[in-house]
C-alpha atoms as a PDB file:
ATOM      1  CA  UNK A   1      29.288 -71.355  43.924  1.00  0.00           C
ATOM      2  CA  UNK A   2      29.382 -67.762  45.065  1.00  0.00           C
ATOM      3  CA  UNK A   3      29.045 -64.841  42.711  1.00  0.00           C
ATOM      4  CA  UNK A   4      32.274 -62.754  42.570  1.00  0.00           C
ATOM      5  CA  UNK A   5      30.135 -59.864  41.331  1.00  0.00           C
ATOM      6  CA  UNK A   6      27.519 -59.476  44.068  1.00  0.00           C
ATOM      7  CA  UNK A   7      25.951 -56.357  42.519  1.00  0.00           C
ATOM      8  CA  UNK A   8      25.082 -58.142  39.255  1.00  0.00           C
ATOM      9  CA  UNK A   9      22.788 -61.067  38.496  1.00  0.00           C
ATOM     10  CA  UNK A  10      24.377 -64.368  37.636  1.00  0.00           C
ATOM     11  CA  UNK A  11      24.481 -65.608  34.066  1.00  0.00           C
ATOM     12  CA  UNK A  12      23.465 -69.116  32.980  1.00  0.00           C
ATOM     13  CA  UNK A  13      26.894 -70.586  33.908  1.00  0.00           C
ATOM     14  CA  UNK A  14      27.469 -68.533  37.028  1.00  0.00           C
ATOM     15  CA  UNK A  15      29.489 -65.326  37.102  1.00  0.00           C
ATOM     16  CA  UNK A  16      28.455 -62.131  35.392  1.00  0.00           C
ATOM     17  CA  UNK A  17      25.865 -62.302  32.640  1.00  0.00           C
ATOM     18  CA  UNK A  18      27.075 -62.523  29.042  1.00  0.00           C
ATOM     19  CA  UNK A  19      25.266 -59.989  26.893  1.00  0.00           C
ATOM     20  CA  UNK A  20      24.777 -60.624  23.195  1.00  0.00           C
ATOM     21  CA  UNK A  21      23.137 -58.328  20.720  1.00  0.00           C
ATOM     22  CA  UNK A  22      22.299 -58.920  17.097  1.00  0.00           C
ATOM     23  CA  UNK A  23      24.500 -61.945  16.443  1.00  0.00           C
ATOM     24  CA  UNK A  24      27.741 -60.351  17.688  1.00  0.00           C
ATOM     25  CA  UNK A  25      30.039 -61.816  20.271  1.00  0.00           C
ATOM     26  CA  UNK A  26      29.559 -61.298  24.015  1.00  0.00           C
ATOM     27  CA  UNK A  27      30.860 -57.716  23.726  1.00  0.00           C
ATOM     28  CA  UNK A  28      28.652 -56.714  20.807  1.00  0.00           C
ATOM     29  CA  UNK A  29      31.396 -56.853  18.186  1.00  0.00           C
ATOM     30  CA  UNK A  30      30.205 -57.753  14.733  1.00  0.00           C
ATOM     31  CA  UNK A  31      26.846 -56.207  15.440  1.00  0.00           C
ATOM     32  CA  UNK A  32      27.382 -53.395  12.941  1.00  0.00           C
ATOM     33  CA  UNK A  33      29.290 -53.120   9.702  1.00  0.00           C
ATOM     34  CA  UNK A  34      32.048 -50.502   9.762  1.00  0.00           C
ATOM     35  CA  UNK A  35      33.980 -51.459  12.865  1.00  0.00           C
ATOM     36  CA  UNK A  36      31.173 -51.603  15.394  1.00  0.00           C
ATOM     37  CA  UNK A  37      29.585 -48.294  14.409  1.00  0.00           C
ATOM     38  CA  UNK A  38      25.821 -48.164  14.205  1.00  0.00           C
ATOM     39  CA  UNK A  39      24.327 -47.507  10.809  1.00  0.00           C
ATOM     40  CA  UNK A  40      25.916 -46.566   7.531  1.00  0.00           C
ATOM     41  CA  UNK A  41      28.746 -44.091   7.292  1.00  0.00           C
ATOM     42  CA  UNK A  42      27.689 -40.465   6.907  1.00  0.00           C
ATOM     43  CA  UNK A  43      28.146 -38.897   3.443  1.00  0.00           C
ATOM     44  CA  UNK A  44      31.156 -36.953   4.720  1.00  0.00           C
ATOM     45  CA  UNK A  45      33.068 -40.234   5.105  1.00  0.00           C
ATOM     46  CA  UNK A  46      32.483 -41.006   1.417  1.00  0.00           C
ATOM     47  CA  UNK A  47      33.727 -37.496   0.622  1.00  0.00           C
ATOM     48  CA  UNK A  48      36.822 -38.146   2.750  1.00  0.00           C
ATOM     49  CA  UNK A  49      37.518 -41.320   0.763  1.00  0.00           C
ATOM     50  CA  UNK A  50      37.046 -39.481  -2.532  1.00  0.00           C
ATOM     51  CA  UNK A  51      39.355 -36.661  -1.413  1.00  0.00           C
ATOM     52  CA  UNK A  52      41.966 -39.277  -0.454  1.00  0.00           C
ATOM     53  CA  UNK A  53      41.919 -40.653  -4.005  1.00  0.00           C
ATOM     54  CA  UNK A  54      41.974 -37.176  -5.569  1.00  0.00           C
ATOM     55  CA  UNK A  55      44.894 -36.157  -3.364  1.00  0.00           C
ATOM     56  CA  UNK A  56      46.791 -39.316  -4.316  1.00  0.00           C
ATOM     57  CA  UNK A  57      46.174 -38.691  -8.025  1.00  0.00           C
ATOM     58  CA  UNK A  58      47.300 -35.048  -7.839  1.00  0.00           C
ATOM     59  CA  UNK A  59      50.328 -36.062  -5.759  1.00  0.00           C
ATOM     60  CA  UNK A  60      51.270 -38.711  -8.325  1.00  0.00           C
ATOM     61  CA  UNK A  61      50.862 -36.301 -11.236  1.00  0.00           C
ATOM     62  CA  UNK A  62      52.848 -33.620  -9.407  1.00  0.00           C
ATOM     63  CA  UNK A  63      55.587 -36.133  -8.596  1.00  0.00           C
ATOM     64  CA  UNK A  64      55.829 -37.370 -12.178  1.00  0.00           C
ATOM     65  CA  UNK A  65      56.029 -33.819 -13.567  1.00  0.00           C
ATOM     66  CA  UNK A  66      58.667 -32.983 -10.952  1.00  0.00           C
ATOM     67  CA  UNK A  67      60.725 -36.052 -11.904  1.00  0.00           C
ATOM     68  CA  UNK A  68      60.414 -35.153 -15.585  1.00  0.00           C
ATOM     69  CA  UNK A  69      61.402 -31.548 -14.881  1.00  0.00           C
ATOM     70  CA  UNK A  70      64.479 -32.474 -12.861  1.00  0.00           C
ATOM     71  CA  UNK A  71      65.563 -34.985 -15.496  1.00  0.00           C
ATOM     72  CA  UNK A  72      65.137 -32.708 -18.525  1.00  0.00           C
ATOM     73  CA  UNK A  73      65.841 -29.144 -17.424  1.00  0.00           C
ATOM     74  CA  UNK A  74      69.461 -27.987 -17.642  1.00  0.00           C
ATOM     75  CA  UNK A  75      70.047 -26.433 -14.259  1.00  0.00           C
ATOM     76  CA  UNK A  76      73.594 -25.159 -14.983  1.00  0.00           C
ATOM     77  CA  UNK A  77      72.434 -21.626 -15.840  1.00  0.00           C
ATOM     78  CA  UNK A  78      70.094 -21.549 -12.845  1.00  0.00           C
ATOM     79  CA  UNK A  79      72.960 -22.577 -10.570  1.00  0.00           C
ATOM     80  CA  UNK A  80      75.123 -19.787 -12.048  1.00  0.00           C
ATOM     81  CA  UNK A  81      72.354 -17.254 -11.436  1.00  0.00           C
ATOM     82  CA  UNK A  82      72.159 -18.474  -7.851  1.00  0.00           C
ATOM     83  CA  UNK A  83      75.833 -17.573  -7.471  1.00  0.00           C
ATOM     84  CA  UNK A  84      77.291 -21.068  -7.177  1.00  0.00           C
ATOM     85  CA  UNK A  85      80.927 -21.614  -8.076  1.00  0.00           C
ATOM     86  CA  UNK A  86      81.858 -23.996 -10.946  1.00  0.00           C
ATOM     87  CA  UNK A  87      82.892 -26.643  -8.390  1.00  0.00           C
ATOM     88  CA  UNK A  88      79.556 -26.364  -6.580  1.00  0.00           C
ATOM     89  CA  UNK A  89      77.718 -26.583  -9.910  1.00  0.00           C
ATOM     90  CA  UNK A  90      79.614 -29.788 -10.776  1.00  0.00           C
ATOM     91  CA  UNK A  91      78.677 -31.349  -7.429  1.00  0.00           C
ATOM     92  CA  UNK A  92      75.033 -30.256  -7.808  1.00  0.00           C
ATOM     93  CA  UNK A  93      74.817 -31.820 -11.283  1.00  0.00           C
ATOM     94  CA  UNK A  94      76.387 -35.081 -10.059  1.00  0.00           C
ATOM     95  CA  UNK A  95      73.778 -35.411  -7.329  1.00  0.00           C
ATOM     96  CA  UNK A  96      70.961 -35.082  -9.884  1.00  0.00           C
ATOM     97  CA  UNK A  97      70.888 -38.867 -10.480  1.00  0.00           C
ATOM     98  CA  UNK A  98      70.660 -39.571  -6.766  1.00  0.00           C
ATOM     99  CA  UNK A  99      67.853 -37.030  -6.492  1.00  0.00           C
ATOM    100  CA  UNK A 100      65.899 -38.799  -9.252  1.00  0.00           C
ATOM    101  CA  UNK A 101      66.203 -42.204  -7.564  1.00  0.00           C
ATOM    102  CA  UNK A 102      65.275 -40.660  -4.222  1.00  0.00           C
ATOM    103  CA  UNK A 103      62.288 -38.947  -5.843  1.00  0.00           C
ATOM    104  CA  UNK A 104      61.009 -42.243  -7.251  1.00  0.00           C
ATOM    105  CA  UNK A 105      61.381 -43.939  -3.855  1.00  0.00           C
ATOM    106  CA  UNK A 106      59.620 -41.101  -2.028  1.00  0.00           C
ATOM    107  CA  UNK A 107      56.806 -41.204  -4.579  1.00  0.00           C
ATOM    108  CA  UNK A 108      56.389 -44.984  -4.121  1.00  0.00           C
ATOM    109  CA  UNK A 109      56.371 -44.746  -0.312  1.00  0.00           C
ATOM    110  CA  UNK A 110      53.891 -41.861  -0.372  1.00  0.00           C
ATOM    111  CA  UNK A 111      51.521 -43.745  -2.662  1.00  0.00           C
ATOM    112  CA  UNK A 112      51.790 -46.737  -0.335  1.00  0.00           C
ATOM    113  CA  UNK A 113      50.793 -44.491   2.577  1.00  0.00           C
ATOM    114  CA  UNK A 114      47.852 -43.141   0.558  1.00  0.00           C
ATOM    115  CA  UNK A 115      46.734 -46.739  -0.063  1.00  0.00           C
ATOM    116  CA  UNK A 116      47.112 -47.611   3.625  1.00  0.00           C
ATOM    117  CA  UNK A 117      45.055 -44.611   4.731  1.00  0.00           C
ATOM    118  CA  UNK A 118      42.370 -45.237   2.092  1.00  0.00           C
ATOM    119  CA  UNK A 119      41.931 -48.941   2.846  1.00  0.00           C
ATOM    120  CA  UNK A 120      41.670 -48.461   6.591  1.00  0.00           C
ATOM    121  CA  UNK A 121      39.490 -45.357   6.346  1.00  0.00           C
ATOM    122  CA  UNK A 122      37.123 -47.531   4.354  1.00  0.00           C
ATOM    123  CA  UNK A 123      37.211 -50.070   7.203  1.00  0.00           C
ATOM    124  CA  UNK A 124      36.338 -47.344   9.719  1.00  0.00           C
ATOM    125  CA  UNK A 125      39.656 -47.256  11.586  1.00  0.00           C
ATOM    126  CA  UNK A 126      40.198 -44.009  13.488  1.00  0.00           C
ATOM    127  CA  UNK A 127      43.989 -44.418  13.422  1.00  0.00           C
ATOM    128  CA  UNK A 128      43.817 -44.148   9.614  1.00  0.00           C
ATOM    129  CA  UNK A 129      41.994 -40.826   9.967  1.00  0.00           C
ATOM    130  CA  UNK A 130      44.647 -39.608  12.417  1.00  0.00           C
ATOM    131  CA  UNK A 131      47.458 -40.805  10.115  1.00  0.00           C
ATOM    132  CA  UNK A 132      45.736 -39.057   7.210  1.00  0.00           C
ATOM    133  CA  UNK A 133      45.549 -35.847   9.237  1.00  0.00           C
ATOM    134  CA  UNK A 134      49.272 -35.972  10.035  1.00  0.00           C
ATOM    135  CA  UNK A 135      50.212 -36.764   6.427  1.00  0.00           C
ATOM    136  CA  UNK A 136      47.921 -34.037   5.059  1.00  0.00           C
ATOM    137  CA  UNK A 137      49.470 -31.415   7.317  1.00  0.00           C
ATOM    138  CA  UNK A 138      52.973 -32.532   6.308  1.00  0.00           C
ATOM    139  CA  UNK A 139      51.945 -32.519   2.640  1.00  0.00           C
ATOM    140  CA  UNK A 140      50.549 -28.981   2.827  1.00  0.00           C
ATOM    141  CA  UNK A 141      53.667 -27.664   4.572  1.00  0.00           C
ATOM    142  CA  UNK A 142      56.068 -29.550   2.279  1.00  0.00           C
ATOM    143  CA  UNK A 143      54.237 -28.484  -0.861  1.00  0.00           C
ATOM    144  CA  UNK A 144      54.156 -24.826   0.174  1.00  0.00           C
ATOM    145  CA  UNK A 145      57.904 -24.895   0.864  1.00  0.00           C
ATOM    146  CA  UNK A 146      58.527 -26.729  -2.430  1.00  0.00           C
ATOM    147  CA  UNK A 147      56.599 -24.090  -4.366  1.00  0.00           C
ATOM    148  CA  UNK A 148      59.338 -21.574  -3.560  1.00  0.00           C
ATOM    149  CA  UNK A 149      61.706 -23.135  -6.095  1.00  0.00           C
ATOM    150  CA  UNK A 150      59.459 -24.384  -8.884  1.00  0.00           C
ATOM    151  CA  UNK A 151      60.018 -21.416 -11.180  1.00  0.00           C
ATOM    152  CA  UNK A 152      63.587 -22.625 -11.707  1.00  0.00           C
ATOM    153  CA  UNK A 153      62.073 -25.194 -14.086  1.00  0.00           C
ATOM    154  CA  UNK A 154      60.809 -22.607 -16.579  1.00  0.00           C
ATOM    155  CA  UNK A 155      57.529 -23.570 -18.261  1.00  0.00           C
ATOM    156  CA  UNK A 156      57.278 -26.782 -16.251  1.00  0.00           C
ATOM    157  CA  UNK A 157      57.506 -24.611 -13.146  1.00  0.00           C
ATOM    158  CA  UNK A 158      54.091 -23.154 -13.956  1.00  0.00           C
ATOM    159  CA  UNK A 159      52.644 -26.671 -14.236  1.00  0.00           C
ATOM    160  CA  UNK A 160      54.286 -27.609 -10.922  1.00  0.00           C
ATOM    161  CA  UNK A 161      52.951 -24.415  -9.330  1.00  0.00           C
ATOM    162  CA  UNK A 162      49.384 -25.171 -10.442  1.00  0.00           C
ATOM    163  CA  UNK A 163      49.596 -28.832  -9.362  1.00  0.00           C
ATOM    164  CA  UNK A 164      51.152 -27.846  -6.030  1.00  0.00           C
ATOM    165  CA  UNK A 165      48.425 -25.312  -5.289  1.00  0.00           C
ATOM    166  CA  UNK A 166      45.781 -27.872  -6.298  1.00  0.00           C
ATOM    167  CA  UNK A 167      47.360 -30.404  -3.939  1.00  0.00           C
ATOM    168  CA  UNK A 168      47.283 -27.871  -1.096  1.00  0.00           C
ATOM    169  CA  UNK A 169      43.598 -27.106  -1.748  1.00  0.00           C
ATOM    170  CA  UNK A 170      42.645 -30.799  -1.874  1.00  0.00           C
ATOM    171  CA  UNK A 171      44.550 -31.555   1.343  1.00  0.00           C
ATOM    172  CA  UNK A 172      42.992 -28.589   3.162  1.00  0.00           C
ATOM    173  CA  UNK A 173      39.554 -29.844   2.069  1.00  0.00           C
ATOM    174  CA  UNK A 174      40.551 -33.309   3.318  1.00  0.00           C
ATOM    175  CA  UNK A 175      41.514 -31.845   6.705  1.00  0.00           C
ATOM    176  CA  UNK A 176      38.281 -29.857   6.990  1.00  0.00           C
ATOM    177  CA  UNK A 177      36.258 -32.977   6.164  1.00  0.00           C
ATOM    178  CA  UNK A 178      38.253 -35.155   8.587  1.00  0.00           C
ATOM    179  CA  UNK A 179      37.473 -32.767  11.453  1.00  0.00           C
ATOM    180  CA  UNK A 180      33.740 -32.423  10.741  1.00  0.00           C
ATOM    181  CA  UNK A 181      31.553 -33.663  13.573  1.00  0.00           C
ATOM    182  CA  UNK A 182      29.822 -36.514  11.671  1.00  0.00           C
ATOM    183  CA  UNK A 183      33.192 -37.897  10.549  1.00  0.00           C
ATOM    184  CA  UNK A 184      34.802 -37.570  13.990  1.00  0.00           C
ATOM    185  CA  UNK A 185      31.829 -39.252  15.664  1.00  0.00           C
ATOM    186  CA  UNK A 186      31.656 -42.079  13.143  1.00  0.00           C
ATOM    187  CA  UNK A 187      35.360 -42.843  13.509  1.00  0.00           C
ATOM    188  CA  UNK A 188      35.346 -42.457  17.307  1.00  0.00           C
ATOM    189  CA  UNK A 189      35.987 -45.767  19.064  1.00  0.00           C
ATOM    190  CA  UNK A 190      32.848 -47.418  20.369  1.00  0.00           C
ATOM    191  CA  UNK A 191      32.595 -46.960  24.114  1.00  0.00           C
ATOM    192  CA  UNK A 192      31.138 -49.425  26.583  1.00  0.00           C
ATOM    193  CA  UNK A 193      28.243 -47.920  28.580  1.00  0.00           C
END
């Protein structure tokens, strides 16, 4: 039988040799814990996981306070101060129930995305890091825009302002950590030599 790979030595069954290292399959998979990455994760990866949980907790708290604020604050006077007509105020108050349901759904979906990112970051998947980066950027932008109207909630507006700024800080720290060299290199896909 002729060797279809004339530049390489033949393996035990003919054809190219099958390399195995450390109990993995022929391509070396399973050789290392953490998705084929050598060694343990750097400390920055643990920090990234912790920041993911902190961000989720602050987001949840912020969302719950926001839902409470929208459900309890009488916005009629605020709408009048904004210059809305009585008809527009009536429509705005009718949509309050829809906004509450939508807020609960958005909160549930966001927490599901936090869980998805956390679980797969822990498994060493680079796509989870990329998804986390995209979601963190969107969170920072959305939170900063949302902070423009929080003072309409009176005293709860101050709580929302503080939680929103805390969420921005945590997400910026998450982004900085996600782009650090040890984290990028550990999550980088293993390349064949």
